[in-house]
Amino acid sequence: YTYPLIMALKFNAPLLVYGENISYEYGGSDY
């Protein structure tokens, strides 16, 4: 979770892409 955030800042690449929202797609606390 943290490494891509740190590196995106270093590369000045603010658009950071992830796959699915786990909590919403499969049920979770951050729904």
Full PDB file with SEQRES, HELIX, SHEET, SSBOND, CRYST1, ORIGX, SCALE, CONECT and MASTER records, all heavy atoms in Angstrom:
SEQRES   1 A   31  TYR THR TYR PRO LEU ILE MET ALA LEU LYS PHE ASN ALA          
SEQRES   2 A   31  PRO LEU LEU VAL TYR GLY GLU ASN ILE SER TYR GLU TYR          
SEQRES   3 A   31  GLY GLY SER ASP TYR                                          
HELIX    1 AA1 THR A    2  LYS A   10  1                                   9    
HELIX    2 AA2 ILE A   22  TYR A   26  1                                   5    
CRYST1    1.000    1.000    1.000  90.00  90.00  90.00 P 1           1          
ORIGX1      1.000000  0.000000  0.000000        0.00000                         
ORIGX2      0.000000  1.000000  0.000000        0.00000                         
ORIGX3      0.000000  0.000000  1.000000        0.00000                         
SCALE1      1.000000  0.000000  0.000000        0.00000                         
SCALE2      0.000000  1.000000  0.000000        0.00000                         
SCALE3      0.000000  0.000000  1.000000        0.00000                         
ATOM      1  N   TYR A   1       0.811  -1.215   0.000  1.00  0.00           N  
ATOM      2  CA  TYR A   1       0.000   0.000   0.000  1.00  0.00           C  
ATOM      3  C   TYR A   1       0.851   1.275   0.000  1.00  0.00           C  
ATOM      4  O   TYR A   1       0.532   2.236  -0.707  1.00  0.00           O  
ATOM      5  CB  TYR A   1      -0.922   0.014   1.214  1.00  0.00           C  
ATOM      6  CG  TYR A   1      -2.086  -0.931   1.110  1.00  0.00           C  
ATOM      7  CD1 TYR A   1      -2.341  -1.872   2.103  1.00  0.00           C  
ATOM      8  CD2 TYR A   1      -2.957  -0.883   0.022  1.00  0.00           C  
ATOM      9  CE1 TYR A   1      -3.415  -2.736   2.015  1.00  0.00           C  
ATOM     10  CE2 TYR A   1      -4.031  -1.744  -0.080  1.00  0.00           C  
ATOM     11  CZ  TYR A   1      -4.259  -2.669   0.921  1.00  0.00           C  
ATOM     12  OH  TYR A   1      -5.323  -3.532   0.811  1.00  0.00           O  
ATOM     13  N   THR A   2       1.908   1.310   0.809  1.00  0.00           N  
ATOM     14  CA  THR A   2       2.650   2.562   0.993  1.00  0.00           C  
ATOM     15  C   THR A   2       3.711   2.814  -0.067  1.00  0.00           C  
ATOM     16  O   THR A   2       3.927   3.963  -0.462  1.00  0.00           O  
ATOM     17  CB  THR A   2       3.316   2.595   2.380  1.00  0.00           C  
ATOM     18  OG1 THR A   2       4.191   1.459   2.529  1.00  0.00           O  
ATOM     19  CG2 THR A   2       2.268   2.579   3.485  1.00  0.00           C  
ATOM     20  N   TYR A   3       4.389   1.762  -0.540  1.00  0.00           N  
ATOM     21  CA  TYR A   3       5.498   1.944  -1.476  1.00  0.00           C  
ATOM     22  C   TYR A   3       5.082   2.651  -2.769  1.00  0.00           C  
ATOM     23  O   TYR A   3       5.751   3.610  -3.202  1.00  0.00           O  
ATOM     24  CB  TYR A   3       6.147   0.593  -1.774  1.00  0.00           C  
ATOM     25  CG  TYR A   3       7.251   0.635  -2.802  1.00  0.00           C  
ATOM     26  CD1 TYR A   3       8.445   1.318  -2.557  1.00  0.00           C  
ATOM     27  CD2 TYR A   3       7.111  -0.012  -4.034  1.00  0.00           C  
ATOM     28  CE1 TYR A   3       9.461   1.354  -3.507  1.00  0.00           C  
ATOM     29  CE2 TYR A   3       8.115   0.015  -4.978  1.00  0.00           C  
ATOM     30  CZ  TYR A   3       9.285   0.699  -4.713  1.00  0.00           C  
ATOM     31  OH  TYR A   3      10.281   0.739  -5.656  1.00  0.00           O  
ATOM     32  N   PRO A   4       3.986   2.255  -3.420  1.00  0.00           N  
ATOM     33  CA  PRO A   4       3.595   2.984  -4.635  1.00  0.00           C  
ATOM     34  C   PRO A   4       3.287   4.457  -4.374  1.00  0.00           C  
ATOM     35  O   PRO A   4       3.558   5.313  -5.225  1.00  0.00           O  
ATOM     36  CB  PRO A   4       2.345   2.233  -5.106  1.00  0.00           C  
ATOM     37  CG  PRO A   4       2.502   0.852  -4.539  1.00  0.00           C  
ATOM     38  CD  PRO A   4       3.124   1.067  -3.203  1.00  0.00           C  
ATOM     39  N   LEU A   5       2.702   4.781  -3.219  1.00  0.00           N  
ATOM     40  CA  LEU A   5       2.428   6.172  -2.883  1.00  0.00           C  
ATOM     41  C   LEU A   5       3.720   6.974  -2.780  1.00  0.00           C  
ATOM     42  O   LEU A   5       3.842   8.080  -3.329  1.00  0.00           O  
ATOM     43  CB  LEU A   5       1.666   6.257  -1.560  1.00  0.00           C  
ATOM     44  CG  LEU A   5       0.261   5.647  -1.517  1.00  0.00           C  
ATOM     45  CD1 LEU A   5      -0.240   5.573  -0.091  1.00  0.00           C  
ATOM     46  CD2 LEU A   5      -0.716   6.452  -2.376  1.00  0.00           C  
ATOM     47  N   ILE A   6       4.689   6.398  -2.077  1.00  0.00           N  
ATOM     48  CA  ILE A   6       5.980   7.058  -1.896  1.00  0.00           C  
ATOM     49  C   ILE A   6       6.671   7.274  -3.239  1.00  0.00           C  
ATOM     50  O   ILE A   6       7.199   8.356  -3.529  1.00  0.00           O  
ATOM     51  CB  ILE A   6       6.870   6.224  -0.951  1.00  0.00           C  
ATOM     52  CG1 ILE A   6       6.278   6.219   0.471  1.00  0.00           C  
ATOM     53  CG2 ILE A   6       8.308   6.751  -0.933  1.00  0.00           C  
ATOM     54  CD1 ILE A   6       6.908   5.199   1.396  1.00  0.00           C  
ATOM     55  N   MET A   7       6.662   6.245  -4.077  1.00  0.00           N  
ATOM     56  CA  MET A   7       7.363   6.321  -5.358  1.00  0.00           C  
ATOM     57  C   MET A   7       6.642   7.223  -6.359  1.00  0.00           C  
ATOM     58  O   MET A   7       7.283   7.905  -7.165  1.00  0.00           O  
ATOM     59  CB  MET A   7       7.541   4.924  -5.929  1.00  0.00           C  
ATOM     60  CG  MET A   7       8.448   4.022  -5.096  1.00  0.00           C  
ATOM     61  SD  MET A   7      10.119   4.707  -4.916  1.00  0.00           S  
ATOM     62  CE  MET A   7      10.751   4.458  -6.576  1.00  0.00           C  
ATOM     63  N   ALA A   8       5.328   7.235  -6.329  1.00  0.00           N  
ATOM     64  CA  ALA A   8       4.589   8.121  -7.231  1.00  0.00           C  
ATOM     65  C   ALA A   8       4.946   9.572  -6.963  1.00  0.00           C  
ATOM     66  O   ALA A   8       5.073  10.379  -7.894  1.00  0.00           O  
ATOM     67  CB  ALA A   8       3.088   7.896  -7.074  1.00  0.00           C  
ATOM     68  N   LEU A   9       5.133   9.919  -5.709  1.00  0.00           N  
ATOM     69  CA  LEU A   9       5.565  11.274  -5.360  1.00  0.00           C  
ATOM     70  C   LEU A   9       6.954  11.557  -5.910  1.00  0.00           C  
ATOM     71  O   LEU A   9       7.216  12.626  -6.477  1.00  0.00           O  
ATOM     72  CB  LEU A   9       5.546  11.459  -3.842  1.00  0.00           C  
ATOM     73  CG  LEU A   9       4.179  11.679  -3.196  1.00  0.00           C  
ATOM     74  CD1 LEU A   9       4.279  11.540  -1.686  1.00  0.00           C  
ATOM     75  CD2 LEU A   9       3.614  13.053  -3.575  1.00  0.00           C  
ATOM     76  N   LYS A  10       7.858  10.590  -5.755  1.00  0.00           N  
ATOM     77  CA  LYS A  10       9.236  10.781  -6.214  1.00  0.00           C  
ATOM     78  C   LYS A  10       9.306  10.961  -7.728  1.00  0.00           C  
ATOM     79  O   LYS A  10      10.164  11.695  -8.248  1.00  0.00           O  
ATOM     80  CB  LYS A  10      10.107   9.602  -5.776  1.00  0.00           C  
ATOM     81  CG  LYS A  10      10.383   9.537  -4.278  1.00  0.00           C  
ATOM     82  CD  LYS A  10      11.331   8.415  -3.934  1.00  0.00           C  
ATOM     83  CE  LYS A  10      11.594   8.343  -2.434  1.00  0.00           C  
ATOM     84  NZ  LYS A  10      12.298   9.555  -1.943  1.00  0.00           N  
ATOM     85  N   PHE A  11       8.426  10.306  -8.458  1.00  0.00           N  
ATOM     86  CA  PHE A  11       8.437  10.380  -9.910  1.00  0.00           C  
ATOM     87  C   PHE A  11       7.494  11.457 -10.452  1.00  0.00           C  
ATOM     88  O   PHE A  11       7.311  11.557 -11.664  1.00  0.00           O  
ATOM     89  CB  PHE A  11       8.079   9.015 -10.515  1.00  0.00           C  
ATOM     90  CG  PHE A  11       9.249   8.089 -10.641  1.00  0.00           C  
ATOM     91  CD1 PHE A  11       9.719   7.384  -9.539  1.00  0.00           C  
ATOM     92  CD2 PHE A  11       9.912   7.932 -11.855  1.00  0.00           C  
ATOM     93  CE1 PHE A  11      10.808   6.532  -9.650  1.00  0.00           C  
ATOM     94  CE2 PHE A  11      10.993   7.082 -11.975  1.00  0.00           C  
ATOM     95  CZ  PHE A  11      11.461   6.381 -10.871  1.00  0.00           C  
ATOM     96  N   ASN A  12       6.909  12.230  -9.555  1.00  0.00           N  
ATOM     97  CA  ASN A  12       5.949  13.261  -9.964  1.00  0.00           C  
ATOM     98  C   ASN A  12       4.896  12.668 -10.894  1.00  0.00           C  
ATOM     99  O   ASN A  12       4.595  13.203 -11.960  1.00  0.00           O  
ATOM    100  CB  ASN A  12       6.655  14.436 -10.660  1.00  0.00           C  
ATOM    101  CG  ASN A  12       5.719  15.618 -10.878  1.00  0.00           C  
ATOM    102  OD1 ASN A  12       4.832  15.873 -10.065  1.00  0.00           O  
ATOM    103  ND2 ASN A  12       5.903  16.345 -11.986  1.00  0.00           N  
ATOM    104  N   ALA A  13       4.337  11.533 -10.465  1.00  0.00           N  
ATOM    105  CA  ALA A  13       3.288  10.843 -11.221  1.00  0.00           C  
ATOM    106  C   ALA A  13       2.059  10.725 -10.323  1.00  0.00           C  
ATOM    107  O   ALA A  13       1.789   9.658  -9.755  1.00  0.00           O  
ATOM    108  CB  ALA A  13       3.766   9.466 -11.674  1.00  0.00           C  
ATOM    109  N   PRO A  14       1.327  11.826 -10.165  1.00  0.00           N  
ATOM    110  CA  PRO A  14       0.217  11.831  -9.196  1.00  0.00           C  
ATOM    111  C   PRO A  14      -0.903  10.852  -9.504  1.00  0.00           C  
ATOM    112  O   PRO A  14      -1.595  10.396  -8.594  1.00  0.00           O  
ATOM    113  CB  PRO A  14      -0.281  13.280  -9.235  1.00  0.00           C  
ATOM    114  CG  PRO A  14       0.236  13.847 -10.510  1.00  0.00           C  
ATOM    115  CD  PRO A  14       1.522  13.138 -10.791  1.00  0.00           C  
ATOM    116  N   LEU A  15      -1.096  10.519 -10.790  1.00  0.00           N  
ATOM    117  CA  LEU A  15      -2.149   9.551 -11.140  1.00  0.00           C  
ATOM    118  C   LEU A  15      -1.624   8.142 -10.855  1.00  0.00           C  
ATOM    119  O   LEU A  15      -0.855   7.578 -11.629  1.00  0.00           O  
ATOM    120  CB  LEU A  15      -2.537   9.695 -12.603  1.00  0.00           C  
ATOM    121  CG  LEU A  15      -3.666   8.766 -13.087  1.00  0.00           C  
ATOM    122  CD1 LEU A  15      -4.935   8.975 -12.269  1.00  0.00           C  
ATOM    123  CD2 LEU A  15      -3.934   8.961 -14.574  1.00  0.00           C  
ATOM    124  N   LEU A  16      -2.038   7.581  -9.733  1.00  0.00           N  
ATOM    125  CA  LEU A  16      -1.585   6.265  -9.284  1.00  0.00           C  
ATOM    126  C   LEU A  16      -2.751   5.292  -9.408  1.00  0.00           C  
ATOM    127  O   LEU A  16      -3.808   5.495  -8.807  1.00  0.00           O  
ATOM    128  CB  LEU A  16      -1.098   6.346  -7.838  1.00  0.00           C  
ATOM    129  CG  LEU A  16      -0.694   5.047  -7.148  1.00  0.00           C  
ATOM    130  CD1 LEU A  16       0.396   4.312  -7.921  1.00  0.00           C  
ATOM    131  CD2 LEU A  16      -0.232   5.343  -5.720  1.00  0.00           C  
ATOM    132  N   VAL A  17      -2.551   4.234 -10.182  1.00  0.00           N  
ATOM    133  CA  VAL A  17      -3.646   3.351 -10.580  1.00  0.00           C  
ATOM    134  C   VAL A  17      -3.631   2.041  -9.797  1.00  0.00           C  
ATOM    135  O   VAL A  17      -2.612   1.352  -9.724  1.00  0.00           O  
ATOM    136  CB  VAL A  17      -3.558   3.066 -12.098  1.00  0.00           C  
ATOM    137  CG1 VAL A  17      -4.651   2.098 -12.527  1.00  0.00           C  
ATOM    138  CG2 VAL A  17      -3.642   4.371 -12.889  1.00  0.00           C  
ATOM    139  N   TYR A  18      -4.778   1.707  -9.218  1.00  0.00           N  
ATOM    140  CA  TYR A  18      -4.999   0.428  -8.552  1.00  0.00           C  
ATOM    141  C   TYR A  18      -6.117  -0.318  -9.273  1.00  0.00           C  
ATOM    142  O   TYR A  18      -6.857   0.268 -10.064  1.00  0.00           O  
ATOM    143  CB  TYR A  18      -5.399   0.634  -7.089  1.00  0.00           C  
ATOM    144  CG  TYR A  18      -4.313   1.228  -6.228  1.00  0.00           C  
ATOM    145  CD1 TYR A  18      -4.237   2.606  -6.024  1.00  0.00           C  
ATOM    146  CD2 TYR A  18      -3.349   0.421  -5.620  1.00  0.00           C  
ATOM    147  CE1 TYR A  18      -3.245   3.155  -5.230  1.00  0.00           C  
ATOM    148  CE2 TYR A  18      -2.354   0.966  -4.820  1.00  0.00           C  
ATOM    149  CZ  TYR A  18      -2.304   2.336  -4.631  1.00  0.00           C  
ATOM    150  OH  TYR A  18      -1.325   2.882  -3.856  1.00  0.00           O  
ATOM    151  N   GLY A  19      -6.265  -1.591  -8.969  1.00  0.00           N  
ATOM    152  CA  GLY A  19      -7.294  -2.413  -9.595  1.00  0.00           C  
ATOM    153  C   GLY A  19      -8.666  -2.170  -9.004  1.00  0.00           C  
ATOM    154  O   GLY A  19      -9.323  -1.180  -9.292  1.00  0.00           O  
ATOM    155  N   GLU A  20      -9.114  -3.103  -8.144  1.00  0.00           N  
ATOM    156  CA  GLU A  20     -10.460  -2.984  -7.609  1.00  0.00           C  
ATOM    157  C   GLU A  20     -10.456  -2.402  -6.207  1.00  0.00           C  
ATOM    158  O   GLU A  20      -9.489  -2.534  -5.459  1.00  0.00           O  
ATOM    159  CB  GLU A  20     -11.173  -4.344  -7.613  1.00  0.00           C  
ATOM    160  CG  GLU A  20     -10.750  -5.325  -6.527  1.00  0.00           C  
ATOM    161  CD  GLU A  20      -9.646  -6.231  -6.974  1.00  0.00           C  
ATOM    162  OE1 GLU A  20      -8.616  -5.699  -7.439  1.00  0.00           O  
ATOM    163  OE2 GLU A  20      -9.788  -7.451  -6.815  1.00  0.00           O  
ATOM    164  N   ASN A  21     -11.576  -1.780  -5.876  1.00  0.00           N  
ATOM    165  CA  ASN A  21     -11.854  -1.333  -4.516  1.00  0.00           C  
ATOM    166  C   ASN A  21     -12.342  -2.553  -3.743  1.00  0.00           C  
ATOM    167  O   ASN A  21     -13.510  -2.946  -3.850  1.00  0.00           O  
ATOM    168  CB  ASN A  21     -12.914  -0.234  -4.545  1.00  0.00           C  
ATOM    169  CG  ASN A  21     -13.270   0.298  -3.170  1.00  0.00           C  
ATOM    170  OD1 ASN A  21     -12.973  -0.322  -2.157  1.00  0.00           O  
ATOM    171  ND2 ASN A  21     -13.919   1.444  -3.150  1.00  0.00           N  
ATOM    172  N   ILE A  22     -11.446  -3.184  -2.998  1.00  0.00           N  
ATOM    173  CA  ILE A  22     -11.737  -4.463  -2.358  1.00  0.00           C  
ATOM    174  C   ILE A  22     -12.969  -4.390  -1.461  1.00  0.00           C  
ATOM    175  O   ILE A  22     -13.843  -5.263  -1.485  1.00  0.00           O  
ATOM    176  CB  ILE A  22     -10.506  -4.957  -1.570  1.00  0.00           C  
ATOM    177  CG1 ILE A  22      -9.374  -5.300  -2.534  1.00  0.00           C  
ATOM    178  CG2 ILE A  22     -10.864  -6.173  -0.722  1.00  0.00           C  
ATOM    179  CD1 ILE A  22      -8.067  -5.622  -1.841  1.00  0.00           C  
ATOM    180  N   SER A  23     -13.047  -3.334  -0.647  1.00  0.00           N  
ATOM    181  CA  SER A  23     -14.159  -3.230   0.297  1.00  0.00           C  
ATOM    182  C   SER A  23     -15.493  -3.127  -0.415  1.00  0.00           C  
ATOM    183  O   SER A  23     -16.495  -3.706   0.017  1.00  0.00           O  
ATOM    184  CB  SER A  23     -13.956  -2.017   1.211  1.00  0.00           C  
ATOM    185  OG  SER A  23     -12.864  -2.210   2.076  1.00  0.00           O  
ATOM    186  N   TYR A  24     -15.538  -2.396  -1.524  1.00  0.00           N  
ATOM    187  CA  TYR A  24     -16.803  -2.234  -2.234  1.00  0.00           C  
ATOM    188  C   TYR A  24     -17.137  -3.456  -3.092  1.00  0.00           C  
ATOM    189  O   TYR A  24     -18.282  -3.899  -3.136  1.00  0.00           O  
ATOM    190  CB  TYR A  24     -16.765  -0.990  -3.120  1.00  0.00           C  
ATOM    191  CG  TYR A  24     -18.099  -0.721  -3.780  1.00  0.00           C  
ATOM    192  CD1 TYR A  24     -19.158  -0.179  -3.049  1.00  0.00           C  
ATOM    193  CD2 TYR A  24     -18.314  -1.031  -5.119  1.00  0.00           C  
ATOM    194  CE1 TYR A  24     -20.395   0.046  -3.640  1.00  0.00           C  
ATOM    195  CE2 TYR A  24     -19.548  -0.804  -5.712  1.00  0.00           C  
ATOM    196  CZ  TYR A  24     -20.592  -0.271  -4.971  1.00  0.00           C  
ATOM    197  OH  TYR A  24     -21.810  -0.063  -5.550  1.00  0.00           O  
ATOM    198  N   GLU A  25     -16.142  -4.013  -3.765  1.00  0.00           N  
ATOM    199  CA  GLU A  25     -16.391  -5.146  -4.657  1.00  0.00           C  
ATOM    200  C   GLU A  25     -16.735  -6.419  -3.895  1.00  0.00           C  
ATOM    201  O   GLU A  25     -17.575  -7.208  -4.336  1.00  0.00           O  
ATOM    202  CB  GLU A  25     -15.159  -5.400  -5.537  1.00  0.00           C  
ATOM    203  CG  GLU A  25     -14.874  -4.309  -6.549  1.00  0.00           C  
ATOM    204  CD  GLU A  25     -15.924  -4.220  -7.643  1.00  0.00           C  
ATOM    205  OE1 GLU A  25     -16.466  -5.266  -8.050  1.00  0.00           O  
ATOM    206  OE2 GLU A  25     -16.200  -3.095  -8.091  1.00  0.00           O  
ATOM    207  N   TYR A  26     -16.071  -6.637  -2.752  1.00  0.00           N  
ATOM    208  CA  TYR A  26     -16.219  -7.928  -2.070  1.00  0.00           C  
ATOM    209  C   TYR A  26     -16.766  -7.810  -0.645  1.00  0.00           C  
ATOM    210  O   TYR A  26     -16.955  -8.813   0.025  1.00  0.00           O  
ATOM    211  CB  TYR A  26     -14.873  -8.655  -2.044  1.00  0.00           C  
ATOM    212  CG  TYR A  26     -14.191  -8.669  -3.394  1.00  0.00           C  
ATOM    213  CD1 TYR A  26     -12.882  -8.231  -3.547  1.00  0.00           C  
ATOM    214  CD2 TYR A  26     -14.875  -9.092  -4.538  1.00  0.00           C  
ATOM    215  CE1 TYR A  26     -12.269  -8.214  -4.790  1.00  0.00           C  
ATOM    216  CE2 TYR A  26     -14.269  -9.075  -5.785  1.00  0.00           C  
ATOM    217  CZ  TYR A  26     -12.970  -8.637  -5.903  1.00  0.00           C  
ATOM    218  OH  TYR A  26     -12.360  -8.608  -7.136  1.00  0.00           O  
ATOM    219  N   GLY A  27     -17.012  -6.583  -0.198  1.00  0.00           N  
ATOM    220  CA  GLY A  27     -17.531  -6.367   1.144  1.00  0.00           C  
ATOM    221  C   GLY A  27     -16.429  -6.116   2.133  1.00  0.00           C  
ATOM    222  O   GLY A  27     -15.502  -6.907   2.252  1.00  0.00           O  
ATOM    223  N   GLY A  28     -16.495  -4.985   2.843  1.00  0.00           N  
ATOM    224  CA  GLY A  28     -15.453  -4.671   3.814  1.00  0.00           C  
ATOM    225  C   GLY A  28     -15.797  -3.432   4.610  1.00  0.00           C  
ATOM    226  O   GLY A  28     -16.815  -2.773   4.377  1.00  0.00           O  
ATOM    227  N   SER A  29     -14.904  -3.103   5.548  1.00  0.00           N  
ATOM    228  CA  SER A  29     -15.177  -2.011   6.478  1.00  0.00           C  
ATOM    229  C   SER A  29     -15.175  -0.647   5.807  1.00  0.00           C  
ATOM    230  O   SER A  29     -15.822   0.286   6.274  1.00  0.00           O  
ATOM    231  CB  SER A  29     -14.145  -2.028   7.617  1.00  0.00           C  
ATOM    232  OG  SER A  29     -12.827  -1.968   7.100  1.00  0.00           O  
ATOM    233  N   ASP A  30     -14.440  -0.502   4.711  1.00  0.00           N  
ATOM    234  CA  ASP A  30     -14.353   0.772   3.998  1.00  0.00           C  
ATOM    235  C   ASP A  30     -15.259   0.725   2.769  1.00  0.00           C  
ATOM    236  O   ASP A  30     -14.851   1.017   1.659  1.00  0.00           O  
ATOM    237  CB  ASP A  30     -12.892   1.042   3.602  1.00  0.00           C  
ATOM    238  CG  ASP A  30     -12.684   2.462   3.113  1.00  0.00           C  
ATOM    239  OD1 ASP A  30     -13.395   3.357   3.583  1.00  0.00           O  
ATOM    240  OD2 ASP A  30     -11.805   2.670   2.258  1.00  0.00           O  
ATOM    241  N   TYR A  31     -16.526   0.368   2.986  1.00  0.00           N  
ATOM    242  CA  TYR A  31     -17.484   0.128   1.899  1.00  0.00           C  
ATOM    243  C   TYR A  31     -18.015   1.447   1.368  1.00  0.00           C  
ATOM    244  O   TYR A  31     -18.857   2.103   1.973  1.00  0.00           O  
ATOM    245  CB  TYR A  31     -18.630  -0.739   2.424  1.00  0.00           C  
ATOM    246  CG  TYR A  31     -19.628  -1.162   1.373  1.00  0.00           C  
ATOM    247  CD1 TYR A  31     -19.387  -2.276   0.576  1.00  0.00           C  
ATOM    248  CD2 TYR A  31     -20.821  -0.460   1.187  1.00  0.00           C  
ATOM    249  CE1 TYR A  31     -20.297  -2.677  -0.393  1.00  0.00           C  
ATOM    250  CE2 TYR A  31     -21.737  -0.853   0.221  1.00  0.00           C  
ATOM    251  CZ  TYR A  31     -21.467  -1.965  -0.566  1.00  0.00           C  
ATOM    252  OH  TYR A  31     -22.373  -2.351  -1.518  1.00  0.00           O  
TER     253      TYR A  31                                                      
MASTER        0    0    0    2    0    0    0    6  252    1    0    3          
END                                                                             
